[in-house]
Protein backbone atom coordinates (compact mmCIF):
# COMPACT_ATOMS: atom_id res chain seq x y z
CA MET A 1 -237.16 -7.36 -79.02
CA THR A 2 -236.04 -4.17 -77.26
CA THR A 3 -239.62 -3.03 -76.93
CA SER A 4 -240.66 -6.32 -75.52
CA VAL A 5 -237.78 -5.99 -72.80
CA ARG A 6 -238.72 -2.57 -72.00
CA ALA A 7 -242.36 -3.46 -71.51
CA GLY A 8 -241.36 -6.38 -69.31
CA ASP A 9 -239.20 -4.05 -67.14
CA ALA A 10 -242.06 -1.59 -66.95
CA ALA A 11 -244.52 -4.30 -65.79
CA ALA A 12 -242.02 -5.59 -63.25
CA ALA A 13 -241.41 -2.02 -61.97
CA GLY A 14 -245.30 -1.56 -61.65
CA ARG A 15 -245.58 -4.83 -59.58
CA GLU A 16 -242.72 -3.65 -57.36
CA GLU A 17 -244.46 -0.29 -56.79
CA ARG A 18 -247.73 -1.86 -55.98
CA ALA A 19 -246.05 -4.23 -53.59
CA GLU A 20 -244.25 -1.37 -51.80
CA ALA A 21 -247.52 0.58 -51.50
CA LEU A 22 -249.21 -2.42 -50.01
CA PHE A 23 -246.41 -3.01 -47.49
CA GLY A 24 -246.41 0.63 -46.68
CA TRP A 25 -250.10 0.55 -46.04
CA VAL A 26 -249.89 -2.53 -43.77
CA ALA A 27 -247.04 -0.78 -41.83
CA ARG A 28 -249.05 2.36 -41.30
CA HIS A 29 -252.22 0.30 -40.25
CA ARG A 30 -250.41 -2.48 -38.42
CA ASN A 31 -252.57 -2.54 -35.38
CA GLY A 32 -255.68 -2.62 -37.49
CA VAL A 33 -254.41 -5.39 -39.70
CA ILE A 34 -253.47 -7.43 -36.74
CA TRP A 35 -256.83 -7.07 -35.10
CA THR A 36 -258.54 -7.97 -38.37
CA VAL A 37 -256.39 -11.00 -38.76
CA VAL A 38 -257.08 -12.10 -35.09
CA THR A 39 -260.75 -11.65 -35.53
CA VAL A 40 -260.83 -13.75 -38.62
CA LEU A 41 -258.84 -16.46 -37.10
CA VAL A 42 -261.05 -16.47 -33.88
CA GLY A 43 -264.17 -16.58 -35.95
CA ILE A 44 -262.94 -19.51 -37.88
CA GLY A 45 -261.89 -21.17 -34.66
CA LEU A 46 -265.29 -20.63 -33.11
CA LEU A 47 -266.98 -21.95 -36.27
CA GLY A 48 -264.96 -25.08 -36.28
CA TRP A 49 -265.52 -25.53 -32.46
CA ARG A 50 -269.25 -25.05 -32.99
CA GLN A 51 -269.40 -27.62 -35.71
CA ILE A 52 -267.52 -30.18 -33.63
CA SER A 53 -269.56 -29.41 -30.57
CA ASN A 54 -272.78 -29.85 -32.62
CA ARG A 55 -271.60 -33.13 -34.06
CA GLN A 56 -270.78 -34.45 -30.58
CA GLY A 57 -274.07 -33.12 -29.18
CA GLU A 58 -276.05 -34.92 -31.90
CA ARG A 59 -274.25 -38.04 -31.38
CA VAL A 60 -274.73 -38.08 -27.64
CA ALA A 61 -278.53 -37.01 -28.17
CA SER A 62 -278.90 -39.85 -30.71
CA GLN A 63 -277.60 -42.51 -28.13
CA GLN A 64 -279.93 -41.15 -25.48
CA LEU A 65 -282.77 -41.19 -27.90
CA ASN A 66 -282.24 -44.88 -28.59
CA SER A 67 -282.45 -45.54 -24.91
CA ALA A 68 -285.68 -43.47 -24.59
CA ARG A 69 -287.11 -45.46 -27.54
CA LEU A 70 -286.44 -48.74 -25.79
CA ALA A 71 -288.18 -47.56 -22.70
CA LEU A 72 -291.17 -46.40 -24.98
CA ASP A 73 -291.27 -49.79 -26.82
CA SER A 74 -291.27 -51.39 -23.42
CA LYS A 75 -294.32 -49.26 -22.44
CA ASN A 76 -292.38 -47.76 -19.60
CA TYR A 77 -293.89 -44.45 -20.17
CA PRO A 78 -292.65 -42.55 -17.14
CA LEU A 79 -289.06 -43.43 -17.89
CA ALA A 80 -289.52 -42.69 -21.65
CA ALA A 81 -291.08 -39.39 -20.83
CA SER A 82 -288.21 -38.32 -18.43
CA GLU A 83 -285.48 -39.22 -20.96
CA LEU A 84 -287.35 -37.68 -23.98
CA SER A 85 -288.01 -34.47 -22.01
CA ARG A 86 -284.21 -34.17 -21.14
CA ILE A 87 -283.16 -34.73 -24.70
CA SER A 88 -285.66 -32.08 -26.05
CA ALA A 89 -284.45 -29.51 -23.51
CA ASN A 90 -280.70 -30.17 -23.48
CA TYR A 91 -280.07 -30.67 -27.24
CA SER A 92 -282.47 -28.17 -28.77
CA GLY A 93 -282.10 -27.66 -32.47
CA THR A 94 -280.71 -31.21 -33.21
CA ARG A 95 -282.63 -33.75 -35.12
CA SER A 96 -282.64 -36.05 -32.10
CA ALA A 97 -284.29 -33.12 -30.12
CA ASN A 98 -287.00 -32.76 -32.72
CA GLU A 99 -287.66 -36.48 -32.75
CA ALA A 100 -287.68 -36.59 -28.89
CA THR A 101 -290.30 -33.71 -28.88
CA ILE A 102 -292.65 -35.74 -31.17
CA LEU A 103 -292.15 -38.93 -29.16
CA LEU A 104 -292.73 -37.09 -25.89
CA ALA A 105 -296.11 -35.92 -27.18
CA GLN A 106 -296.95 -39.35 -28.25
CA THR A 107 -295.94 -40.72 -24.96
CA ARG A 108 -298.11 -38.21 -23.09
CA LEU A 109 -301.16 -39.25 -25.42
CA ALA A 110 -300.55 -42.84 -24.77
CA GLN A 111 -300.45 -42.04 -20.92
CA GLY A 112 -303.81 -40.28 -21.36
CA GLN A 113 -302.20 -36.92 -20.52
CA ALA A 114 -303.60 -34.86 -23.42
CA GLN A 115 -303.06 -31.64 -21.71
CA GLN A 116 -299.45 -32.33 -20.96
CA ALA A 117 -299.15 -33.23 -24.73
CA ILE A 118 -300.57 -29.76 -25.64
CA GLU A 119 -298.03 -28.15 -23.27
CA VAL A 120 -295.26 -29.97 -25.32
CA LEU A 121 -296.60 -29.13 -28.78
CA LYS A 122 -298.56 -25.74 -28.68
CA ASP A 123 -295.19 -23.68 -28.89
CA TYR A 124 -293.21 -26.26 -30.73
CA ALA A 125 -295.51 -27.04 -33.55
CA SER A 126 -295.47 -23.52 -35.30
CA GLY A 127 -291.74 -23.31 -35.20
CA ALA A 128 -290.97 -26.91 -35.95
CA PRO A 129 -288.81 -27.82 -38.96
CA SER A 130 -290.77 -28.60 -42.16
CA GLU A 131 -290.25 -32.35 -41.77
CA TYR A 132 -291.85 -32.36 -38.33
CA LYS A 133 -294.54 -29.66 -38.70
CA ALA A 134 -297.29 -31.76 -40.01
CA GLN A 135 -296.79 -34.55 -37.31
CA ALA A 136 -296.58 -31.94 -34.63
CA PHE A 137 -299.80 -30.19 -35.63
CA GLY A 138 -301.50 -33.54 -36.12
CA LEU A 139 -300.65 -34.66 -32.58
CA LEU A 140 -301.73 -31.30 -31.33
CA GLY A 141 -305.11 -31.68 -32.93
CA ALA A 142 -305.37 -35.21 -31.39
CA ALA A 143 -304.61 -33.75 -27.96
CA TYR A 144 -307.21 -31.00 -28.36
CA GLU A 145 -309.73 -33.56 -29.50
CA ASN A 146 -309.09 -35.76 -26.50
CA ILE A 147 -309.87 -33.00 -24.11
CA GLY A 148 -312.97 -31.94 -26.01
CA HIS A 149 -311.84 -28.88 -27.72
CA PRO A 150 -313.10 -29.50 -31.35
CA ARG A 151 -312.44 -25.98 -32.58
CA GLU A 152 -308.77 -25.93 -31.57
CA ALA A 153 -308.46 -29.49 -32.67
CA ALA A 154 -309.82 -28.60 -36.21
CA ASP A 155 -307.48 -25.65 -36.55
CA ALA A 156 -304.48 -27.88 -35.52
CA TYR A 157 -305.59 -30.54 -38.11
CA GLN A 158 -305.94 -27.89 -40.84
CA GLN A 159 -302.34 -26.60 -40.19
CA ALA A 160 -301.19 -30.21 -40.19
CA ALA A 161 -302.86 -30.64 -43.64
CA ASP A 162 -301.26 -27.52 -44.93
CA ALA A 163 -297.79 -28.76 -43.82
CA ALA A 164 -298.26 -32.34 -45.06
CA GLU A 165 -296.44 -33.40 -48.25
CA MET A 166 -297.80 -36.91 -48.68
CA PRO A 167 -301.25 -36.99 -50.20
CA PHE A 168 -302.61 -39.75 -47.87
CA LEU A 169 -301.50 -37.77 -44.82
CA LYS A 170 -302.87 -34.53 -46.15
CA GLY A 171 -306.24 -36.26 -46.84
CA GLN A 172 -306.48 -37.70 -43.36
CA PHE A 173 -305.65 -34.39 -41.63
CA LEU A 174 -308.23 -32.65 -43.79
CA SER A 175 -310.80 -35.25 -42.89
CA ASP A 176 -310.00 -34.72 -39.29
CA ALA A 177 -310.30 -31.02 -39.66
CA GLY A 178 -313.68 -31.46 -41.27
CA ARG A 179 -314.93 -33.58 -38.31
CA GLY A 180 -313.82 -30.87 -36.13
CA TRP A 181 -315.47 -28.16 -37.93
CA LEU A 182 -318.63 -30.04 -38.11
CA ALA A 183 -318.47 -30.62 -34.37
CA VAL A 184 -318.61 -26.78 -33.88
CA GLY A 185 -321.09 -26.19 -36.50
CA ASP A 186 -318.82 -24.43 -38.89
CA THR A 187 -320.15 -26.21 -42.06
CA SER A 188 -318.48 -23.67 -44.34
CA ARG A 189 -314.86 -24.77 -43.31
CA ALA A 190 -316.05 -28.36 -43.10
CA ARG A 191 -317.27 -28.25 -46.60
CA ALA A 192 -314.07 -26.63 -47.71
CA ALA A 193 -312.05 -29.41 -46.12
CA TYR A 194 -313.89 -32.13 -47.69
CA GLN A 195 -314.10 -30.50 -51.16
CA GLU A 196 -310.34 -30.23 -51.09
CA ILE A 197 -310.04 -34.00 -50.52
CA VAL A 198 -312.48 -34.75 -53.31
CA THR A 199 -311.01 -32.33 -55.94
CA LYS A 200 -307.34 -32.79 -55.12
CA LEU A 201 -306.92 -36.12 -53.27
CA ASP A 202 -309.52 -38.26 -54.79
CA SER A 203 -307.18 -41.29 -54.82
CA THR A 204 -306.60 -41.36 -51.13
CA SER A 205 -308.53 -43.61 -48.59
CA VAL A 206 -310.58 -40.87 -47.14
CA ALA A 207 -312.10 -39.63 -50.45
CA PHE A 208 -315.21 -41.78 -50.15
CA GLU A 209 -315.97 -40.42 -46.70
CA ALA A 210 -315.43 -36.98 -47.88
CA LYS A 211 -317.93 -37.42 -50.79
CA VAL A 212 -320.52 -38.71 -48.18
CA ARG A 213 -319.88 -35.83 -45.88
CA LEU A 214 -320.38 -33.47 -48.69
CA GLY A 215 -323.58 -35.18 -49.87
CA GLU A 216 -324.90 -34.73 -46.24
CA LEU A 217 -324.05 -31.11 -46.33
CA GLY A 218 -325.91 -30.86 -49.58
CA THR A 219 -322.99 -30.26 -51.86
CA ALA A 220 -322.99 -31.94 -55.22
CA THR A 221 -319.90 -33.97 -56.12
CA LYS A 222 -318.75 -35.72 -59.30
């Protein structure tokens, strides 16, 4: 029993010594401790403010995006393009801004303004979030195709296919890329695009066309 008491007293004394050493260290480095605490608190405050600001920005951008969609559905393309451009510029990084950029490109294409659609997409597509990348490159391919630049269109369609997750989209983009490569006489890339459809995406709606194209290119298919 005596041994247990002594062991407990020794442990308590040890804790007191450690506490005194800690308090002494804090007293000697008071200024540094204060600045560290202040820095941490400021960081936490800024993080909280940023999260609140982001949520508010997303909410406002979403409301404005709904308004732009109504203008687009009404075929009021100039108004839709103006609102979508503003959302894309003012709320960069939000989901609504990404959707606005895609819709803006679609609006430009609907207006017959392929070059303006290219200006919207050429820098955006490569850095777009994964869920928007395939659509962005697909629209970019369509815009290049509309102005008679098949090589650039084929390259954009190929990148759209690489980014697409759904088989039917991947197959369609590969088919579009193959058409572009054929237009510039690059039969090797065209064959590769069609062969990928046949071997990996045989169940998609473009598989039959791919087999026909491969047959025209002199490639045996099963």
